[in-house]
Structures are given as C-alpha cells and as structure tokens.
C-alpha cells in the first residue's frame, strides 16, 4: 500500500507543473473563475486501519456559486465506487451546507466539501479537503491527500462500520470540468 501511495504522490509532482502556475499568475483568478455547474471526476486509493487498500472513484455534479470572499459555496452530489466499500459498492453522497472554496490570483485553490447522506444510502459524512487545484480554462485539476488525522469522523458509503473498518488514508486525483449546456 505504501508503494501505491508513493506512486500517487509522484503523479502529483507531474500534475502541478510550474507552467500551469505561470499561466494562472497572469490571468488574475478569483472565486468567480469557478462559477456554475462542473463535473467532478477523480480516482485514487483508500485504505482502512485493518490493512486493506483499494481503488476508489468519485463522480459527481458540483455547483460553485462564484461569490468572492466568505460567501463562496458549493452544492451538488457525488457517487463513490470502491471494493473497500463492501464488494465494489457504489453509493451517493450529498454536498452539504458549509462546503466552501477559495481561488487565489495565481489559479491555485482550496475546496472543502462537507458530505451528507441522501435518503436510502449508506452513511456518508465528514470533510474532504482538496488541497491543490490548478485552474485552466473550463477545467480544474484536483488533488486530495488526506491521512488519519484529517479523516477523523469520516464516513464514506457506511465505512467505518461496526467491524472497525475506519478510513485512514484517501488520495484522489482528477478534474472538475465545466458542464456544457
């Protein structure tokens, strides 16, 4: 599992390229840069404290409100799929009130998604902190790398369960692409 996580970190070094940052620096990004409906697609690894790791994918529709300052909010829903979540389980999670984002002038951003549980789905709750986002026209590259301390209280598709299947590591890399009308 450690080798797979190190491989994911190596990919991060390729994703966050200096030329992408330089492009953003001349463009003067703000929260208004991410406004409207976007498709979020990401894949990575999830691990539990029982020593099991598995691939995980996330697909969803997210809406950025485009408000500068403290009012920047996100709504939408996500679908998670992973064998760690009980035999290739797929489940939905909502994006709850309190989800926020902030875009810096150089095109980097942070996104905090508060998860909620839609009716009829296994419990999903907690916070996903996407720590590095590089914005290009119509697309944002997203990177999430959370460890045990930042995943405390996290539940995705009913994990952790009574069997002690606590999530201790989650790495996701993907894109947020503007939805075409």
N, C-alpha and C. Protein backbone atom coordinates (compact mmCIF):
# COMPACT_ATOMS: atom_id res chain seq x y z
N UNK A 1 0.82 -1.19 0.00
CA UNK A 1 0.00 0.00 0.00
C UNK A 1 0.86 1.25 0.00
N UNK A 2 1.95 1.24 0.77
CA UNK A 2 2.82 2.42 0.85
C UNK A 2 3.39 2.74 -0.52
N UNK A 3 3.81 1.71 -1.29
CA UNK A 3 4.34 1.94 -2.63
C UNK A 3 3.31 2.59 -3.53
N UNK A 4 2.04 2.16 -3.43
CA UNK A 4 0.98 2.74 -4.26
C UNK A 4 0.74 4.20 -3.89
N UNK A 5 0.79 4.51 -2.57
CA UNK A 5 0.60 5.90 -2.16
C UNK A 5 1.77 6.76 -2.62
N UNK A 6 2.98 6.22 -2.55
CA UNK A 6 4.14 6.98 -3.03
C UNK A 6 4.05 7.21 -4.53
N UNK A 7 3.52 6.24 -5.26
CA UNK A 7 3.33 6.42 -6.70
C UNK A 7 2.33 7.53 -6.97
N UNK A 8 1.27 7.62 -6.15
CA UNK A 8 0.28 8.68 -6.31
C UNK A 8 0.92 10.05 -6.04
N UNK A 9 1.80 10.13 -5.03
CA UNK A 9 2.48 11.39 -4.74
C UNK A 9 3.39 11.78 -5.89
N UNK A 10 4.04 10.80 -6.51
CA UNK A 10 4.89 11.07 -7.67
C UNK A 10 4.07 11.66 -8.81
N UNK A 11 2.85 11.17 -8.97
CA UNK A 11 1.97 11.71 -10.00
C UNK A 11 1.65 13.17 -9.69
N UNK A 12 1.51 13.51 -8.42
CA UNK A 12 1.22 14.89 -8.04
C UNK A 12 2.31 15.84 -8.54
N UNK A 13 3.55 15.39 -8.48
CA UNK A 13 4.65 16.23 -8.93
C UNK A 13 4.52 16.55 -10.42
N UNK A 14 3.96 15.63 -11.17
CA UNK A 14 3.76 15.85 -12.60
C UNK A 14 2.55 16.74 -12.84
N UNK A 15 1.50 16.54 -12.04
CA UNK A 15 0.26 17.30 -12.22
C UNK A 15 0.45 18.79 -11.96
N UNK A 16 1.14 19.12 -10.88
CA UNK A 16 1.31 20.52 -10.51
C UNK A 16 2.58 21.04 -11.19
N UNK A 17 2.43 21.45 -12.44
CA UNK A 17 3.55 21.91 -13.26
C UNK A 17 3.74 23.41 -13.10
N UNK A 18 4.98 23.89 -13.08
CA UNK A 18 5.24 25.32 -12.98
C UNK A 18 4.61 26.11 -14.13
N UNK A 19 4.54 25.53 -15.34
CA UNK A 19 3.96 26.29 -16.45
C UNK A 19 2.47 26.52 -16.25
N UNK A 20 1.78 25.57 -15.57
CA UNK A 20 0.36 25.77 -15.28
C UNK A 20 0.19 26.91 -14.28
N UNK A 21 1.09 26.97 -13.29
CA UNK A 21 1.02 28.06 -12.33
C UNK A 21 1.33 29.40 -12.99
N UNK A 22 2.30 29.41 -13.88
CA UNK A 22 2.66 30.65 -14.57
C UNK A 22 1.51 31.15 -15.42
N UNK A 23 0.80 30.22 -16.08
CA UNK A 23 -0.36 30.62 -16.89
C UNK A 23 -1.39 31.32 -16.01
N UNK A 24 -1.65 30.74 -14.81
CA UNK A 24 -2.65 31.32 -13.92
C UNK A 24 -2.23 32.65 -13.35
N UNK A 25 -0.94 32.81 -13.10
CA UNK A 25 -0.46 34.03 -12.46
C UNK A 25 -0.75 35.27 -13.30
N UNK A 26 -0.77 35.13 -14.61
CA UNK A 26 -1.03 36.29 -15.45
C UNK A 26 -2.51 36.51 -15.70
N UNK A 27 -3.34 35.60 -15.21
CA UNK A 27 -4.76 35.67 -15.53
C UNK A 27 -5.63 36.31 -14.46
N UNK A 28 -5.13 36.51 -13.24
CA UNK A 28 -5.89 37.16 -12.18
C UNK A 28 -7.16 36.41 -11.80
N UNK A 29 -7.04 35.17 -11.33
CA UNK A 29 -8.18 34.35 -10.95
C UNK A 29 -8.85 34.86 -9.69
N UNK A 30 -10.14 34.61 -9.55
CA UNK A 30 -10.91 34.88 -8.34
C UNK A 30 -11.91 33.74 -8.18
N UNK A 31 -12.70 33.78 -7.11
CA UNK A 31 -13.76 32.77 -6.92
C UNK A 31 -14.74 32.77 -8.09
N UNK A 32 -14.88 33.91 -8.76
CA UNK A 32 -15.79 33.98 -9.91
C UNK A 32 -15.31 33.11 -11.07
N UNK A 33 -14.00 32.75 -11.07
CA UNK A 33 -13.47 31.89 -12.12
C UNK A 33 -14.17 30.53 -12.10
N UNK A 34 -14.47 30.03 -10.90
CA UNK A 34 -15.23 28.78 -10.75
C UNK A 34 -16.67 29.15 -10.42
N UNK A 35 -17.48 29.28 -11.42
CA UNK A 35 -18.89 29.62 -11.22
C UNK A 35 -19.71 28.75 -12.15
N UNK A 36 -20.77 28.15 -11.60
CA UNK A 36 -21.65 27.32 -12.42
C UNK A 36 -21.49 25.85 -12.13
N UNK A 37 -22.01 25.03 -13.06
CA UNK A 37 -22.02 23.58 -12.90
C UNK A 37 -20.76 22.95 -13.48
N UNK A 38 -20.16 22.05 -12.71
CA UNK A 38 -18.97 21.33 -13.13
C UNK A 38 -19.14 19.85 -12.85
N UNK A 39 -18.53 19.02 -13.68
CA UNK A 39 -18.49 17.58 -13.46
C UNK A 39 -17.18 17.27 -12.75
N UNK A 40 -17.27 16.61 -11.60
CA UNK A 40 -16.10 16.22 -10.83
C UNK A 40 -15.84 14.74 -11.09
N UNK A 41 -14.64 14.42 -11.56
CA UNK A 41 -14.21 13.04 -11.79
C UNK A 41 -12.84 12.87 -11.15
N UNK A 42 -12.72 11.86 -10.27
CA UNK A 42 -11.44 11.62 -9.61
C UNK A 42 -11.29 10.14 -9.31
N UNK A 43 -10.05 9.70 -9.23
CA UNK A 43 -9.74 8.31 -8.89
C UNK A 43 -8.53 8.30 -7.98
N UNK A 44 -8.42 7.26 -7.19
CA UNK A 44 -7.28 7.16 -6.30
C UNK A 44 -7.33 5.92 -5.45
N UNK A 45 -6.79 6.04 -4.24
CA UNK A 45 -6.70 4.92 -3.31
C UNK A 45 -7.33 5.29 -1.97
N UNK A 46 -7.95 4.30 -1.34
CA UNK A 46 -8.48 4.45 0.00
C UNK A 46 -7.96 3.27 0.82
N UNK A 47 -7.62 3.52 2.08
CA UNK A 47 -7.09 2.46 2.95
C UNK A 47 -7.79 2.52 4.30
N UNK A 48 -7.92 1.34 4.93
CA UNK A 48 -8.53 1.30 6.25
C UNK A 48 -7.52 0.81 7.29
N UNK A 49 -7.89 0.91 8.54
CA UNK A 49 -6.95 0.55 9.61
C UNK A 49 -6.79 -0.95 9.77
N UNK A 50 -7.59 -1.74 9.02
CA UNK A 50 -7.46 -3.19 9.04
C UNK A 50 -6.39 -3.66 8.06
N UNK A 51 -5.73 -2.71 7.36
CA UNK A 51 -4.65 -3.04 6.45
C UNK A 51 -5.08 -3.31 5.02
N UNK A 52 -6.31 -2.97 4.69
CA UNK A 52 -6.82 -3.19 3.34
C UNK A 52 -6.81 -1.86 2.59
N UNK A 53 -6.40 -1.91 1.31
CA UNK A 53 -6.48 -0.72 0.47
C UNK A 53 -7.16 -1.11 -0.84
N UNK A 54 -7.74 -0.14 -1.50
CA UNK A 54 -8.45 -0.40 -2.76
C UNK A 54 -8.52 0.87 -3.58
N UNK A 55 -8.77 0.70 -4.85
CA UNK A 55 -9.02 1.86 -5.71
C UNK A 55 -10.38 2.44 -5.36
N UNK A 56 -10.51 3.74 -5.56
CA UNK A 56 -11.78 4.42 -5.33
C UNK A 56 -11.98 5.43 -6.45
N UNK A 57 -13.20 5.56 -6.91
CA UNK A 57 -13.54 6.59 -7.89
C UNK A 57 -14.66 7.45 -7.35
N UNK A 58 -14.68 8.70 -7.81
CA UNK A 58 -15.71 9.65 -7.43
C UNK A 58 -16.18 10.34 -8.70
N UNK A 59 -17.48 10.41 -8.87
CA UNK A 59 -18.09 11.12 -10.00
C UNK A 59 -19.24 11.94 -9.45
N UNK A 60 -19.33 13.19 -9.87
CA UNK A 60 -20.43 14.00 -9.35
C UNK A 60 -20.64 15.27 -10.13
N UNK A 61 -21.71 15.94 -9.80
CA UNK A 61 -22.04 17.25 -10.34
C UNK A 61 -21.96 18.23 -9.19
N UNK A 62 -21.10 19.24 -9.33
CA UNK A 62 -20.95 20.26 -8.29
C UNK A 62 -21.22 21.63 -8.89
N UNK A 63 -21.78 22.50 -8.06
CA UNK A 63 -22.08 23.86 -8.49
C UNK A 63 -21.35 24.83 -7.58
N UNK A 64 -20.49 25.65 -8.20
CA UNK A 64 -19.77 26.71 -7.49
C UNK A 64 -20.58 27.98 -7.67
N UNK A 65 -20.83 28.72 -6.56
CA UNK A 65 -21.69 29.90 -6.68
C UNK A 65 -20.98 31.14 -7.20
N UNK A 66 -19.64 31.14 -7.29
CA UNK A 66 -18.91 32.26 -7.89
C UNK A 66 -18.84 33.51 -7.05
N UNK A 67 -19.13 33.41 -5.76
CA UNK A 67 -19.11 34.57 -4.88
C UNK A 67 -17.71 34.75 -4.31
N UNK A 68 -17.16 35.95 -4.40
CA UNK A 68 -15.85 36.22 -3.80
C UNK A 68 -16.00 36.38 -2.29
N UNK A 69 -14.93 36.04 -1.58
CA UNK A 69 -14.92 36.21 -0.14
C UNK A 69 -15.56 35.06 0.60
N UNK A 70 -16.06 35.35 1.79
CA UNK A 70 -16.57 34.33 2.69
C UNK A 70 -17.84 33.64 2.19
N UNK A 71 -18.50 34.17 1.19
CA UNK A 71 -19.75 33.59 0.71
C UNK A 71 -19.59 32.51 -0.34
N UNK A 72 -18.35 32.12 -0.68
CA UNK A 72 -18.12 31.12 -1.72
C UNK A 72 -18.62 29.75 -1.25
N UNK A 73 -19.62 29.20 -1.93
CA UNK A 73 -20.24 27.94 -1.51
C UNK A 73 -20.34 26.97 -2.68
N UNK A 74 -20.48 25.69 -2.33
CA UNK A 74 -20.59 24.61 -3.30
C UNK A 74 -21.78 23.75 -2.93
N UNK A 75 -22.54 23.32 -3.92
CA UNK A 75 -23.62 22.36 -3.72
C UNK A 75 -23.44 21.24 -4.73
N UNK A 76 -24.17 20.15 -4.57
CA UNK A 76 -24.13 19.08 -5.54
C UNK A 76 -24.20 17.71 -4.90
N UNK A 77 -23.78 16.70 -5.67
CA UNK A 77 -23.78 15.33 -5.17
C UNK A 77 -22.63 14.56 -5.80
N UNK A 78 -22.19 13.51 -5.11
CA UNK A 78 -21.08 12.68 -5.55
C UNK A 78 -21.48 11.22 -5.50
N UNK A 79 -20.91 10.40 -6.39
CA UNK A 79 -21.08 8.95 -6.33
C UNK A 79 -19.70 8.33 -6.13
N UNK A 80 -19.56 7.55 -5.06
CA UNK A 80 -18.31 6.86 -4.75
C UNK A 80 -18.43 5.39 -5.16
N UNK A 81 -17.35 4.83 -5.71
CA UNK A 81 -17.30 3.40 -6.02
C UNK A 81 -15.95 2.86 -5.57
N UNK A 82 -15.99 1.78 -4.75
CA UNK A 82 -14.75 1.15 -4.30
C UNK A 82 -15.06 -0.22 -3.73
N UNK A 83 -14.17 -1.18 -3.98
CA UNK A 83 -14.34 -2.51 -3.40
C UNK A 83 -14.14 -2.48 -1.89
N UNK A 84 -13.43 -1.49 -1.38
CA UNK A 84 -13.26 -1.36 0.07
C UNK A 84 -14.60 -1.02 0.72
N UNK A 85 -15.49 -0.45 -0.05
CA UNK A 85 -16.79 -0.06 0.47
C UNK A 85 -17.78 -1.19 0.27
N UNK A 86 -17.39 -2.43 0.62
CA UNK A 86 -18.22 -3.63 0.60
C UNK A 86 -18.51 -4.13 -0.80
N UNK A 87 -17.60 -4.91 -1.34
CA UNK A 87 -17.76 -5.60 -2.63
C UNK A 87 -18.16 -4.67 -3.78
N UNK A 88 -17.26 -3.77 -4.13
CA UNK A 88 -17.47 -2.84 -5.25
C UNK A 88 -18.74 -2.02 -5.07
N UNK A 89 -19.00 -1.62 -3.86
CA UNK A 89 -20.20 -0.85 -3.55
C UNK A 89 -20.14 0.52 -4.20
N UNK A 90 -21.25 0.94 -4.71
CA UNK A 90 -21.41 2.29 -5.23
C UNK A 90 -22.48 2.96 -4.38
N UNK A 91 -22.20 4.16 -3.93
CA UNK A 91 -23.21 4.89 -3.16
C UNK A 91 -23.10 6.38 -3.43
N UNK A 92 -24.16 7.08 -3.12
CA UNK A 92 -24.24 8.52 -3.34
C UNK A 92 -24.01 9.26 -2.03
N UNK A 93 -23.41 10.44 -2.15
CA UNK A 93 -23.23 11.34 -1.01
C UNK A 93 -23.60 12.74 -1.48
N UNK A 94 -24.27 13.48 -0.64
CA UNK A 94 -24.59 14.86 -0.96
C UNK A 94 -23.46 15.78 -0.52
N UNK A 95 -23.44 16.97 -1.09
CA UNK A 95 -22.52 18.01 -0.65
C UNK A 95 -23.35 18.96 0.21
N UNK A 96 -23.01 19.00 1.48
CA UNK A 96 -23.84 19.69 2.47
C UNK A 96 -23.49 21.17 2.60
N UNK A 97 -24.40 21.88 3.27
CA UNK A 97 -24.16 23.28 3.61
C UNK A 97 -22.87 23.37 4.40
N UNK A 98 -22.11 24.41 4.18
CA UNK A 98 -20.81 24.57 4.83
C UNK A 98 -19.66 24.21 3.92
N UNK A 99 -19.96 23.69 2.72
CA UNK A 99 -18.92 23.39 1.74
C UNK A 99 -18.47 24.71 1.11
N UNK A 100 -17.16 24.93 1.05
CA UNK A 100 -16.64 26.22 0.61
C UNK A 100 -15.46 26.05 -0.34
N UNK A 101 -15.07 27.13 -0.97
CA UNK A 101 -13.87 27.14 -1.80
C UNK A 101 -13.28 28.54 -1.84
N UNK A 102 -11.99 28.58 -2.20
CA UNK A 102 -11.29 29.84 -2.30
C UNK A 102 -10.27 29.74 -3.43
N UNK A 103 -10.33 30.68 -4.37
CA UNK A 103 -9.42 30.71 -5.52
C UNK A 103 -8.43 31.86 -5.34
N UNK A 104 -7.15 31.54 -5.45
CA UNK A 104 -6.10 32.56 -5.37
C UNK A 104 -5.83 33.14 -6.75
N UNK A 105 -5.23 34.32 -6.79
CA UNK A 105 -4.97 35.02 -8.04
C UNK A 105 -4.09 34.22 -9.00
N UNK A 106 -3.25 33.30 -8.46
CA UNK A 106 -2.36 32.51 -9.32
C UNK A 106 -3.02 31.27 -9.90
N UNK A 107 -4.31 31.05 -9.63
CA UNK A 107 -5.02 29.90 -10.19
C UNK A 107 -5.02 28.68 -9.30
N UNK A 108 -4.40 28.76 -8.13
CA UNK A 108 -4.50 27.66 -7.18
C UNK A 108 -5.73 27.90 -6.30
N UNK A 109 -6.23 26.83 -5.74
CA UNK A 109 -7.44 26.97 -4.93
C UNK A 109 -7.51 25.87 -3.88
N UNK A 110 -8.36 26.06 -2.90
CA UNK A 110 -8.69 25.03 -1.93
C UNK A 110 -10.20 24.83 -1.95
N UNK A 111 -10.62 23.60 -1.76
CA UNK A 111 -12.04 23.26 -1.74
C UNK A 111 -12.28 22.37 -0.53
N UNK A 112 -13.31 22.68 0.25
CA UNK A 112 -13.72 21.87 1.39
C UNK A 112 -15.14 21.41 1.15
N UNK A 113 -15.31 20.09 1.01
CA UNK A 113 -16.64 19.52 0.80
C UNK A 113 -17.11 18.82 2.07
N UNK A 114 -18.26 19.23 2.57
CA UNK A 114 -18.91 18.57 3.70
C UNK A 114 -19.86 17.54 3.11
N UNK A 115 -19.68 16.26 3.47
CA UNK A 115 -20.52 15.20 2.92
C UNK A 115 -21.79 15.01 3.74
N UNK A 116 -22.86 14.64 3.07
CA UNK A 116 -24.12 14.32 3.73
C UNK A 116 -24.68 13.04 3.10
N UNK A 117 -25.68 12.45 3.75
CA UNK A 117 -26.25 11.18 3.29
C UNK A 117 -27.64 11.39 2.70
N UNK A 118 -27.78 11.16 1.38
CA UNK A 118 -29.12 11.21 0.80
C UNK A 118 -29.95 10.03 1.31
N UNK A 119 -31.24 10.17 1.33
CA UNK A 119 -32.16 9.13 1.79
C UNK A 119 -31.91 7.81 1.05
N UNK A 120 -31.87 6.71 1.81
CA UNK A 120 -31.73 5.39 1.22
C UNK A 120 -30.31 4.97 0.91
N UNK A 121 -29.31 5.76 1.27
CA UNK A 121 -27.90 5.43 1.00
C UNK A 121 -27.17 5.15 2.31
N UNK A 122 -26.07 4.37 2.24
CA UNK A 122 -25.25 4.18 3.45
C UNK A 122 -24.69 5.53 3.90
N UNK A 123 -24.37 5.63 5.16
CA UNK A 123 -23.93 6.89 5.76
C UNK A 123 -22.66 7.42 5.10
N UNK A 124 -22.69 8.69 4.71
CA UNK A 124 -21.51 9.42 4.28
C UNK A 124 -21.50 10.73 5.03
N UNK A 125 -20.39 11.01 5.71
CA UNK A 125 -20.27 12.26 6.46
C UNK A 125 -18.81 12.59 6.63
N UNK A 126 -18.53 13.82 7.00
CA UNK A 126 -17.16 14.26 7.20
C UNK A 126 -16.78 15.30 6.16
N UNK A 127 -15.49 15.57 6.08
CA UNK A 127 -14.97 16.65 5.24
C UNK A 127 -13.90 16.13 4.30
N UNK A 128 -14.00 16.51 3.02
CA UNK A 128 -12.94 16.25 2.04
C UNK A 128 -12.27 17.58 1.76
N UNK A 129 -10.97 17.68 2.05
CA UNK A 129 -10.21 18.91 1.80
C UNK A 129 -9.32 18.71 0.59
N UNK A 130 -9.71 19.31 -0.54
CA UNK A 130 -8.88 19.27 -1.73
C UNK A 130 -7.86 20.39 -1.59
N UNK A 131 -6.60 20.01 -1.41
CA UNK A 131 -5.58 20.98 -1.04
C UNK A 131 -4.91 21.66 -2.21
N UNK A 132 -5.03 21.12 -3.40
CA UNK A 132 -4.33 21.72 -4.52
C UNK A 132 -5.18 21.64 -5.76
N UNK A 133 -5.51 22.78 -6.30
CA UNK A 133 -6.30 22.83 -7.52
C UNK A 133 -5.60 23.80 -8.46
N UNK A 134 -5.37 23.37 -9.68
CA UNK A 134 -4.79 24.23 -10.70
C UNK A 134 -5.87 24.49 -11.73
N UNK A 135 -6.19 25.73 -11.95
CA UNK A 135 -7.29 26.09 -12.83
C UNK A 135 -6.76 26.47 -14.20
N UNK A 136 -7.35 25.88 -15.23
CA UNK A 136 -7.14 26.23 -16.62
C UNK A 136 -8.52 26.55 -17.20
N UNK A 137 -8.61 27.11 -18.38
CA UNK A 137 -9.93 27.47 -18.91
C UNK A 137 -10.89 26.28 -18.95
N UNK A 138 -11.97 26.34 -18.17
CA UNK A 138 -13.00 25.33 -18.17
C UNK A 138 -12.69 24.06 -17.41
N UNK A 139 -11.46 23.91 -16.91
CA UNK A 139 -11.06 22.68 -16.20
C UNK A 139 -10.21 23.05 -14.99
N UNK A 140 -10.42 22.35 -13.90
CA UNK A 140 -9.57 22.47 -12.72
C UNK A 140 -9.02 21.10 -12.38
N UNK A 141 -7.72 20.98 -12.21
CA UNK A 141 -7.09 19.72 -11.80
C UNK A 141 -7.18 19.67 -10.29
N UNK A 142 -7.72 18.57 -9.74
CA UNK A 142 -7.90 18.47 -8.29
C UNK A 142 -7.00 17.40 -7.70
N UNK A 143 -6.53 17.66 -6.49
CA UNK A 143 -5.68 16.73 -5.76
C UNK A 143 -6.14 16.70 -4.32
N UNK A 144 -6.38 15.51 -3.80
CA UNK A 144 -6.76 15.34 -2.40
C UNK A 144 -5.85 14.28 -1.81
N UNK A 145 -5.23 14.59 -0.70
CA UNK A 145 -4.41 13.61 0.00
C UNK A 145 -4.64 13.78 1.49
N UNK A 146 -5.52 12.96 2.03
CA UNK A 146 -5.86 13.03 3.45
C UNK A 146 -5.32 11.81 4.17
N UNK A 147 -4.92 12.01 5.43
CA UNK A 147 -4.43 10.92 6.26
C UNK A 147 -5.30 10.79 7.50
N UNK A 148 -4.97 9.86 8.36
CA UNK A 148 -5.81 9.52 9.51
C UNK A 148 -6.29 10.73 10.30
N UNK A 149 -5.41 11.68 10.60
CA UNK A 149 -5.81 12.81 11.44
C UNK A 149 -6.88 13.67 10.77
N UNK A 150 -6.77 13.89 9.46
CA UNK A 150 -7.75 14.72 8.77
C UNK A 150 -9.00 13.94 8.39
N UNK A 151 -8.98 12.62 8.52
CA UNK A 151 -10.14 11.79 8.19
C UNK A 151 -10.92 11.36 9.42
N UNK A 152 -10.54 11.85 10.59
CA UNK A 152 -11.24 11.50 11.81
C UNK A 152 -12.72 11.86 11.67
N UNK A 153 -13.58 10.91 11.89
CA UNK A 153 -15.01 11.15 11.76
C UNK A 153 -15.54 10.99 10.35
N UNK A 154 -14.67 10.66 9.40
CA UNK A 154 -15.08 10.48 8.00
C UNK A 154 -15.83 9.17 7.84
N UNK A 155 -16.89 9.20 7.06
CA UNK A 155 -17.63 8.00 6.70
C UNK A 155 -18.01 8.11 5.23
N UNK A 156 -17.61 7.11 4.44
CA UNK A 156 -17.98 7.06 3.03
C UNK A 156 -18.70 5.75 2.79
N UNK A 157 -19.93 5.81 2.33
CA UNK A 157 -20.72 4.62 2.00
C UNK A 157 -20.78 3.63 3.16
N UNK A 158 -20.93 4.12 4.35
CA UNK A 158 -21.08 3.24 5.51
C UNK A 158 -19.78 2.77 6.13
N UNK A 159 -18.64 3.16 5.60
CA UNK A 159 -17.35 2.81 6.20
C UNK A 159 -16.87 4.04 6.96
N UNK A 160 -16.58 4.02 8.26
CA UNK A 160 -16.35 2.81 9.03
C UNK A 160 -17.63 2.12 9.45
N UNK A 161 -17.51 0.81 9.62
CA UNK A 161 -18.65 0.01 10.08
C UNK A 161 -18.34 -0.47 11.48
N UNK A 162 -19.26 -1.24 12.01
CA UNK A 162 -19.08 -1.78 13.36
C UNK A 162 -17.85 -2.69 13.44
N UNK A 163 -17.39 -3.21 12.30
CA UNK A 163 -16.23 -4.11 12.30
C UNK A 163 -14.90 -3.36 12.45
N UNK A 164 -14.94 -2.06 12.57
CA UNK A 164 -13.72 -1.27 12.76
C UNK A 164 -13.03 -0.91 11.46
N UNK A 165 -13.76 -0.85 10.40
CA UNK A 165 -13.23 -0.58 9.06
C UNK A 165 -12.97 0.91 8.84
N UNK A 166 -12.29 1.58 9.76
CA UNK A 166 -12.07 3.02 9.72
C UNK A 166 -11.15 3.42 8.57
N UNK A 167 -11.51 4.49 7.85
CA UNK A 167 -10.69 5.00 6.76
C UNK A 167 -9.52 5.78 7.36
N UNK A 168 -8.29 5.40 6.95
CA UNK A 168 -7.11 6.09 7.49
C UNK A 168 -6.33 6.85 6.42
N UNK A 169 -6.62 6.58 5.14
CA UNK A 169 -5.91 7.27 4.07
C UNK A 169 -6.81 7.37 2.85
N UNK A 170 -6.78 8.54 2.20
CA UNK A 170 -7.57 8.75 0.99
C UNK A 170 -6.78 9.69 0.08
N UNK A 171 -6.48 9.22 -1.13
CA UNK A 171 -5.77 10.02 -2.13
C UNK A 171 -6.61 10.02 -3.40
N UNK A 172 -6.93 11.20 -3.92
CA UNK A 172 -7.72 11.33 -5.15
C UNK A 172 -7.04 12.32 -6.08
N UNK A 173 -7.03 12.01 -7.37
CA UNK A 173 -6.55 12.94 -8.39
C UNK A 173 -7.57 12.93 -9.51
N UNK A 174 -7.93 14.10 -10.01
CA UNK A 174 -8.90 14.14 -11.10
C UNK A 174 -9.11 15.54 -11.62
N UNK A 175 -10.29 15.74 -12.23
CA UNK A 175 -10.62 17.02 -12.85
C UNK A 175 -12.01 17.47 -12.46
N UNK A 176 -12.19 18.76 -12.49
CA UNK A 176 -13.51 19.38 -12.39
C UNK A 176 -13.66 20.13 -13.71
N UNK A 177 -14.60 19.70 -14.55
CA UNK A 177 -14.78 20.24 -15.90
C UNK A 177 -16.12 20.95 -16.02
N UNK A 178 -16.10 22.14 -16.60
CA UNK A 178 -17.36 22.89 -16.78
C UNK A 178 -18.34 22.07 -17.59
N UNK A 179 -19.57 21.97 -17.07
CA UNK A 179 -20.62 21.23 -17.76
C UNK A 179 -21.09 22.03 -18.96
N UNK A 180 -21.16 21.37 -20.09
CA UNK A 180 -21.62 22.02 -21.32
C UNK A 180 -23.13 22.15 -21.29
N UNK A 181 -23.65 23.27 -21.73
CA UNK A 181 -25.11 23.48 -21.72
C UNK A 181 -25.76 22.80 -22.90
